[in-house]
Amino acid sequence: MSKDGDTSEPTFDDLATRVDDAVNALEGLEPAARKVAEELQGAIEAIHKAGLVSIVRRLRAEDATRPALFELAADPAVHLLLSLHGIVRPDPVTHANQVLESVRPQLHSHGGDVSLVRVEDGTAFVRLEGACNGCSMSSVTLRNLVEEALVAEVPAVTAVEVVADQPSPTLIPLESLRIGRDPASEGWAKVGPAAGIAVDDLTAVSLAGDGGQPTDVLIVNVGQRLSAYRNECAHEALPLTDAMLDLSNGTLTCPWHGFCYDASSGECLSAPGAQLEQLPLRIDDGDVWVRVGQ
């Protein structure tokens, strides 16, 4: 119960925040105290897992209760809880990325790397880099390593296809073309100096369009290449201001329900077919402009 007497149930985000706060507090403990706390955590989690496994088995055993189990598993909080305890498999994209992490050290040792582009109709589309992206016997061996790992360990993946390692046309370099003499009349809104956009990070801004109505925009800067999106997840239109930008695989993950996007194109990797709304972005005399109107 909150201090003001509010008895409403905590939201998914409230619970996630409490977990994050507890984990951060745990890191600040002395080694002996942290060991005791971690042992307590492990014991509680073991009890929770045993109880959850019993509940899932009971619901799954009867035709009348199985639909309720599937409905519960679709709830974000319940799905996260079951996933944490290994009771349900993660979604194919998350699972595939976990498998790629397990083979990435071997790829790195040969000067190569791999990133997951998407999973669609049982096929994992990957982008190979460095020594993996060649014609030598070594590169073929590394490609086979990636394919065998994904097909063997991700049930939803039955095939692997390699996509060309080409830059996305949606990313605009800082040496972009100039815009017109009166950009505001063409729907362009000025963000500010390009040098002020944090590198390898996200910048959320509110820009006024033609009619003066504000548009929330998210600017992604990966290695001094910029792209702009309307600042809302394709899932439930919630803001992406606190999204996680993973530079190792070029993904942007929504902080609300975990939907994962290709940071360079806005394509949703969790739900193929979904897409962040891209906005034209250009540079003029060192200033960043985003087109938020026609």
Protein backbone atom coordinates (compact mmCIF):
# COMPACT_ATOMS: atom_id res chain seq x y z
CA MET A 1 0.00 0.00 0.00
CA SER A 2 1.32 3.45 -0.89
CA LYS A 3 1.65 6.26 1.66
CA ASP A 4 -1.51 7.96 0.42
CA GLY A 5 -3.57 4.81 0.94
CA ASP A 6 -3.69 3.81 -2.72
CA THR A 7 -4.33 0.03 -2.89
CA SER A 8 -4.12 -0.29 -6.68
CA GLU A 9 -1.83 -2.98 -8.04
CA PRO A 10 1.63 -1.88 -9.14
CA THR A 11 2.23 -1.59 -12.86
CA PHE A 12 4.68 -3.73 -14.81
CA ASP A 13 7.07 -0.78 -14.92
CA ASP A 14 6.77 -0.23 -11.16
CA LEU A 15 7.76 -3.83 -10.55
CA ALA A 16 10.64 -3.65 -13.03
CA THR A 17 11.91 -0.49 -11.33
CA ARG A 18 11.85 -2.17 -7.93
CA VAL A 19 13.86 -5.08 -9.30
CA ASP A 20 16.41 -2.73 -10.88
CA ASP A 21 16.71 -0.75 -7.64
CA ALA A 22 17.21 -3.94 -5.63
CA VAL A 23 19.89 -5.22 -8.02
CA ASN A 24 21.72 -1.88 -7.85
CA ALA A 25 21.55 -1.93 -4.05
CA LEU A 26 22.89 -5.48 -4.03
CA GLU A 27 25.99 -4.40 -5.95
CA GLY A 28 26.77 -1.84 -3.26
CA LEU A 29 26.92 -4.34 -0.40
CA GLU A 30 30.09 -5.64 1.19
CA PRO A 31 31.19 -9.04 -0.25
CA ALA A 32 30.03 -11.04 2.78
CA ALA A 33 26.64 -9.32 2.93
CA ARG A 34 26.22 -9.61 -0.84
CA LYS A 35 26.90 -13.36 -0.68
CA VAL A 36 24.19 -13.81 1.96
CA ALA A 37 21.74 -11.67 -0.04
CA GLU A 38 22.46 -13.61 -3.22
CA GLU A 39 21.93 -16.91 -1.41
CA LEU A 40 18.59 -15.64 -0.09
CA GLN A 41 17.67 -14.48 -3.58
CA GLY A 42 18.56 -17.87 -5.06
CA ALA A 43 16.55 -19.75 -2.42
CA ILE A 44 13.46 -17.57 -2.97
CA GLU A 45 13.74 -17.92 -6.74
CA ALA A 46 14.01 -21.71 -6.40
CA ILE A 47 10.79 -21.78 -4.37
CA HIS A 48 9.06 -19.52 -6.88
CA LYS A 49 10.18 -21.70 -9.79
CA ALA A 50 8.96 -24.89 -8.14
CA GLY A 51 5.57 -23.33 -7.48
CA LEU A 52 5.27 -21.88 -10.98
CA VAL A 53 6.22 -25.20 -12.59
CA SER A 54 3.46 -26.93 -10.59
CA ILE A 55 0.91 -24.32 -11.64
CA VAL A 56 1.91 -24.49 -15.32
CA ARG A 57 1.85 -28.30 -15.37
CA ARG A 58 -1.60 -28.38 -13.76
CA LEU A 59 -3.08 -25.82 -16.14
CA ARG A 60 -1.49 -27.45 -19.18
CA ALA A 61 -2.74 -30.94 -18.25
CA GLU A 62 -6.45 -30.15 -18.74
CA ASP A 63 -8.15 -29.06 -21.95
CA ALA A 64 -10.44 -26.76 -19.95
CA THR A 65 -7.59 -24.85 -18.29
CA ARG A 66 -5.03 -24.80 -21.11
CA PRO A 67 -6.53 -21.67 -22.78
CA ALA A 68 -6.23 -19.79 -19.48
CA LEU A 69 -2.55 -20.73 -19.31
CA PHE A 70 -1.91 -19.36 -22.81
CA GLU A 71 -3.79 -16.18 -21.96
CA LEU A 72 -1.75 -15.69 -18.80
CA ALA A 73 1.53 -16.35 -20.61
CA ALA A 74 0.69 -13.54 -23.04
CA ASP A 75 0.63 -11.02 -20.18
CA PRO A 76 4.00 -9.14 -20.19
CA ALA A 77 4.60 -9.52 -16.45
CA VAL A 78 3.67 -13.21 -16.38
CA HIS A 79 5.67 -13.95 -19.53
CA LEU A 80 8.73 -12.21 -18.07
CA LEU A 81 8.40 -14.19 -14.83
CA LEU A 82 8.09 -17.51 -16.66
CA SER A 83 11.00 -16.60 -18.94
CA LEU A 84 13.25 -15.67 -16.02
CA HIS A 85 12.72 -19.13 -14.55
CA GLY A 86 13.20 -20.90 -17.89
CA ILE A 87 9.63 -22.22 -17.89
CA VAL A 88 8.81 -20.73 -21.30
CA ARG A 89 11.24 -20.18 -24.12
CA PRO A 90 12.09 -16.58 -25.03
CA ASP A 91 10.80 -15.20 -28.32
CA PRO A 92 12.79 -16.36 -31.38
CA VAL A 93 14.67 -13.08 -31.76
CA THR A 94 15.78 -12.99 -28.13
CA HIS A 95 16.66 -16.69 -28.21
CA ALA A 96 18.63 -16.31 -31.45
CA ASN A 97 20.58 -13.35 -30.07
CA GLN A 98 21.43 -15.38 -26.96
CA VAL A 99 22.78 -18.20 -29.15
CA LEU A 100 24.81 -15.75 -31.24
CA GLU A 101 26.36 -14.39 -28.05
CA SER A 102 27.61 -17.90 -27.27
CA VAL A 103 29.44 -18.20 -30.61
CA ARG A 104 30.57 -14.58 -30.87
CA PRO A 105 33.82 -15.10 -28.86
CA GLN A 106 34.92 -17.74 -31.36
CA LEU A 107 34.08 -15.41 -34.25
CA HIS A 108 35.99 -12.56 -32.60
CA SER A 109 39.04 -14.78 -32.19
CA HIS A 110 39.13 -15.09 -36.00
CA GLY A 111 38.46 -11.39 -36.63
CA GLY A 112 34.79 -11.82 -37.47
CA ASP A 113 31.39 -10.97 -36.06
CA VAL A 114 27.69 -11.55 -36.68
CA SER A 115 24.46 -9.64 -36.07
CA LEU A 116 20.87 -10.80 -36.30
CA VAL A 117 18.76 -8.83 -38.78
CA ARG A 118 15.42 -10.57 -38.26
CA VAL A 119 13.66 -13.92 -37.85
CA GLU A 120 10.89 -14.51 -40.35
CA ASP A 121 8.94 -17.68 -41.28
CA GLY A 122 11.50 -19.94 -39.62
CA THR A 123 14.50 -18.28 -41.28
CA ALA A 124 17.09 -16.30 -39.36
CA PHE A 125 18.60 -13.52 -41.47
CA VAL A 126 22.08 -12.61 -40.26
CA ARG A 127 24.76 -10.14 -41.29
CA LEU A 128 28.36 -11.40 -41.18
CA GLU A 129 31.30 -9.09 -40.76
CA GLY A 130 35.07 -9.25 -40.99
CA ALA A 131 36.61 -12.67 -41.50
CA CYS A 132 33.15 -14.28 -41.57
CA ASN A 133 32.16 -12.35 -44.68
CA GLY A 134 34.54 -13.87 -47.22
CA CYS A 135 35.14 -16.80 -49.54
CA SER A 136 38.02 -18.56 -47.78
CA MET A 137 37.66 -21.93 -46.08
CA SER A 138 37.99 -20.15 -42.75
CA SER A 139 35.07 -17.84 -43.48
CA VAL A 140 32.95 -20.79 -44.65
CA THR A 141 33.71 -22.58 -41.38
CA LEU A 142 32.63 -19.53 -39.37
CA ARG A 143 29.41 -19.17 -41.36
CA ASN A 144 28.68 -22.86 -40.77
CA LEU A 145 29.29 -22.33 -37.06
CA VAL A 146 26.63 -19.61 -36.95
CA GLU A 147 24.12 -21.63 -38.97
CA GLU A 148 24.59 -24.84 -37.01
CA ALA A 149 24.24 -23.05 -33.67
CA LEU A 150 21.02 -21.26 -34.63
CA VAL A 151 19.33 -24.28 -36.22
CA ALA A 152 20.36 -26.63 -33.42
CA GLU A 153 19.52 -24.41 -30.47
CA VAL A 154 16.59 -22.23 -31.58
CA PRO A 155 13.50 -24.39 -32.25
CA ALA A 156 11.81 -21.61 -34.23
CA VAL A 157 14.75 -21.39 -36.67
CA THR A 158 15.00 -24.00 -39.44
CA ALA A 159 17.21 -22.11 -41.87
CA VAL A 160 19.76 -19.29 -41.92
CA GLU A 161 20.33 -16.74 -44.68
CA VAL A 162 23.18 -14.25 -44.89
CA VAL A 163 22.26 -10.72 -45.99
CA ALA A 164 24.64 -8.34 -47.68
CA ASP A 165 26.75 -6.18 -45.39
CA GLN A 166 25.64 -2.86 -46.82
CA PRO A 167 24.87 0.44 -45.09
CA SER A 168 21.22 1.27 -44.71
CA PRO A 169 19.97 4.13 -46.85
CA THR A 170 17.97 5.45 -43.90
CA LEU A 171 21.10 6.59 -42.07
CA ILE A 172 22.24 10.04 -43.13
CA PRO A 173 25.96 10.92 -42.78
CA LEU A 174 26.96 14.30 -41.38
CA GLU A 175 28.08 15.41 -44.83
CA SER A 176 24.49 15.30 -46.08
CA LEU A 177 22.98 17.47 -48.81
CA ARG A 178 21.83 21.01 -48.07
CA ILE A 179 18.18 21.89 -47.66
CA GLY A 180 16.23 24.74 -49.17
CA ARG A 181 16.55 28.43 -48.35
CA ASP A 182 13.37 28.38 -46.27
CA PRO A 183 13.34 24.93 -44.66
CA ALA A 184 10.47 25.74 -42.28
CA SER A 185 8.12 26.22 -45.23
CA GLU A 186 9.01 22.71 -46.39
CA GLY A 187 8.21 21.11 -43.04
CA TRP A 188 11.77 20.98 -41.70
CA ALA A 189 12.43 21.72 -38.02
CA LYS A 190 15.84 22.63 -36.66
CA VAL A 191 17.24 20.37 -33.93
CA GLY A 192 20.56 22.13 -33.32
CA PRO A 193 24.28 21.65 -34.00
CA ALA A 194 25.24 18.18 -35.19
CA ALA A 195 28.22 18.31 -32.84
CA GLY A 196 25.78 18.51 -29.93
CA ILE A 197 24.09 15.19 -30.73
CA ALA A 198 25.55 12.58 -28.39
CA VAL A 199 27.49 9.90 -30.26
CA ASP A 200 26.40 6.26 -29.83
CA ASP A 201 23.36 7.41 -27.89
CA LEU A 202 19.73 8.49 -28.19
CA THR A 203 18.49 12.08 -28.16
CA ALA A 204 14.81 12.86 -27.61
CA VAL A 205 13.53 16.23 -28.82
CA SER A 206 10.17 17.91 -29.38
CA LEU A 207 9.95 19.75 -32.69
CA ALA A 208 7.23 22.04 -34.01
CA GLY A 209 5.74 21.20 -37.42
CA ASP A 210 4.02 23.40 -39.97
CA GLY A 211 0.98 23.98 -37.80
CA GLY A 212 3.00 24.60 -34.65
CA GLN A 213 1.97 21.26 -33.17
CA PRO A 214 4.90 19.55 -31.37
CA THR A 215 6.21 16.24 -32.68
CA ASP A 216 8.22 14.02 -30.36
CA VAL A 217 11.30 12.80 -32.22
CA LEU A 218 14.01 10.29 -31.30
CA ILE A 219 17.42 10.79 -32.94
CA VAL A 220 19.75 7.79 -33.04
CA ASN A 221 23.47 8.49 -33.42
CA VAL A 222 25.54 5.39 -34.17
CA GLY A 223 29.13 6.18 -35.00
CA GLN A 224 28.30 9.74 -36.19
CA ARG A 225 25.56 8.48 -38.49
CA LEU A 226 22.16 9.85 -37.65
CA SER A 227 18.62 8.65 -38.14
CA ALA A 228 15.35 10.07 -36.83
CA TYR A 229 12.13 8.34 -35.79
CA ARG A 230 8.83 9.45 -34.34
CA ASN A 231 9.36 8.83 -30.63
CA GLU A 232 6.85 6.04 -30.15
CA CYS A 233 7.07 2.26 -30.17
CA ALA A 234 5.18 0.50 -32.96
CA HIS A 235 3.61 -1.76 -30.34
CA GLU A 236 1.56 0.61 -28.15
CA ALA A 237 2.96 4.02 -29.21
CA LEU A 238 4.79 4.44 -25.90
CA PRO A 239 7.88 6.71 -25.93
CA LEU A 240 11.33 5.25 -26.63
CA THR A 241 13.25 7.91 -24.74
CA ASP A 242 14.68 5.34 -22.31
CA ALA A 243 15.14 2.60 -24.89
CA MET A 244 18.32 0.51 -24.77
CA LEU A 245 20.71 1.06 -27.68
CA ASP A 246 22.92 -2.01 -28.13
CA LEU A 247 25.87 -1.03 -30.31
CA SER A 248 27.17 -4.61 -30.45
CA ASN A 249 24.27 -5.80 -32.58
CA GLY A 250 22.76 -2.51 -33.74
CA THR A 251 19.44 -2.88 -31.96
CA LEU A 252 17.07 -0.57 -30.13
CA THR A 253 14.91 -2.20 -27.42
CA CYS A 254 11.72 -0.62 -26.12
CA PRO A 255 11.85 -0.17 -22.31
CA TRP A 256 8.15 -0.92 -21.89
CA HIS A 257 7.50 -4.37 -23.35
CA GLY A 258 10.85 -5.33 -24.84
CA PHE A 259 10.08 -4.91 -28.54
CA CYS A 260 13.38 -4.92 -30.40
CA TYR A 261 14.17 -2.82 -33.50
CA ASP A 262 17.00 -2.54 -35.97
CA ALA A 263 18.48 0.82 -34.95
CA SER A 264 19.55 1.59 -38.52
CA SER A 265 16.25 0.92 -40.26
CA GLY A 266 13.55 0.96 -37.59
CA GLU A 267 12.41 -2.56 -38.56
CA CYS A 268 10.90 -4.48 -35.67
CA LEU A 269 12.81 -7.71 -35.05
CA SER A 270 10.34 -8.97 -32.44
CA ALA A 271 7.32 -8.69 -34.74
CA PRO A 272 8.34 -8.72 -38.42
CA GLY A 273 6.20 -6.31 -40.42
CA ALA A 274 6.09 -3.66 -37.70
CA GLN A 275 8.21 -0.55 -38.19
CA LEU A 276 9.20 2.61 -36.40
CA GLU A 277 8.07 5.70 -38.32
CA GLN A 278 11.16 7.22 -39.87
CA LEU A 279 11.49 10.94 -40.41
CA PRO A 280 13.78 12.57 -43.01
CA LEU A 281 16.94 13.95 -41.43
CA ARG A 282 19.52 16.22 -43.07
CA ILE A 283 22.46 18.42 -42.16
CA ASP A 284 22.82 22.06 -43.24
CA ASP A 285 25.85 24.16 -42.24
CA GLY A 286 26.52 21.86 -39.30
CA ASP A 287 22.93 21.94 -38.00
CA VAL A 288 20.62 18.94 -37.82
CA TRP A 289 17.16 19.32 -39.39
CA VAL A 290 14.27 16.83 -39.21
CA ARG A 291 11.23 16.99 -41.45
CA VAL A 292 8.14 16.72 -39.25
CA GLY A 293 5.62 18.14 -41.74
CA GLN A 294 4.89 18.26 -45.44
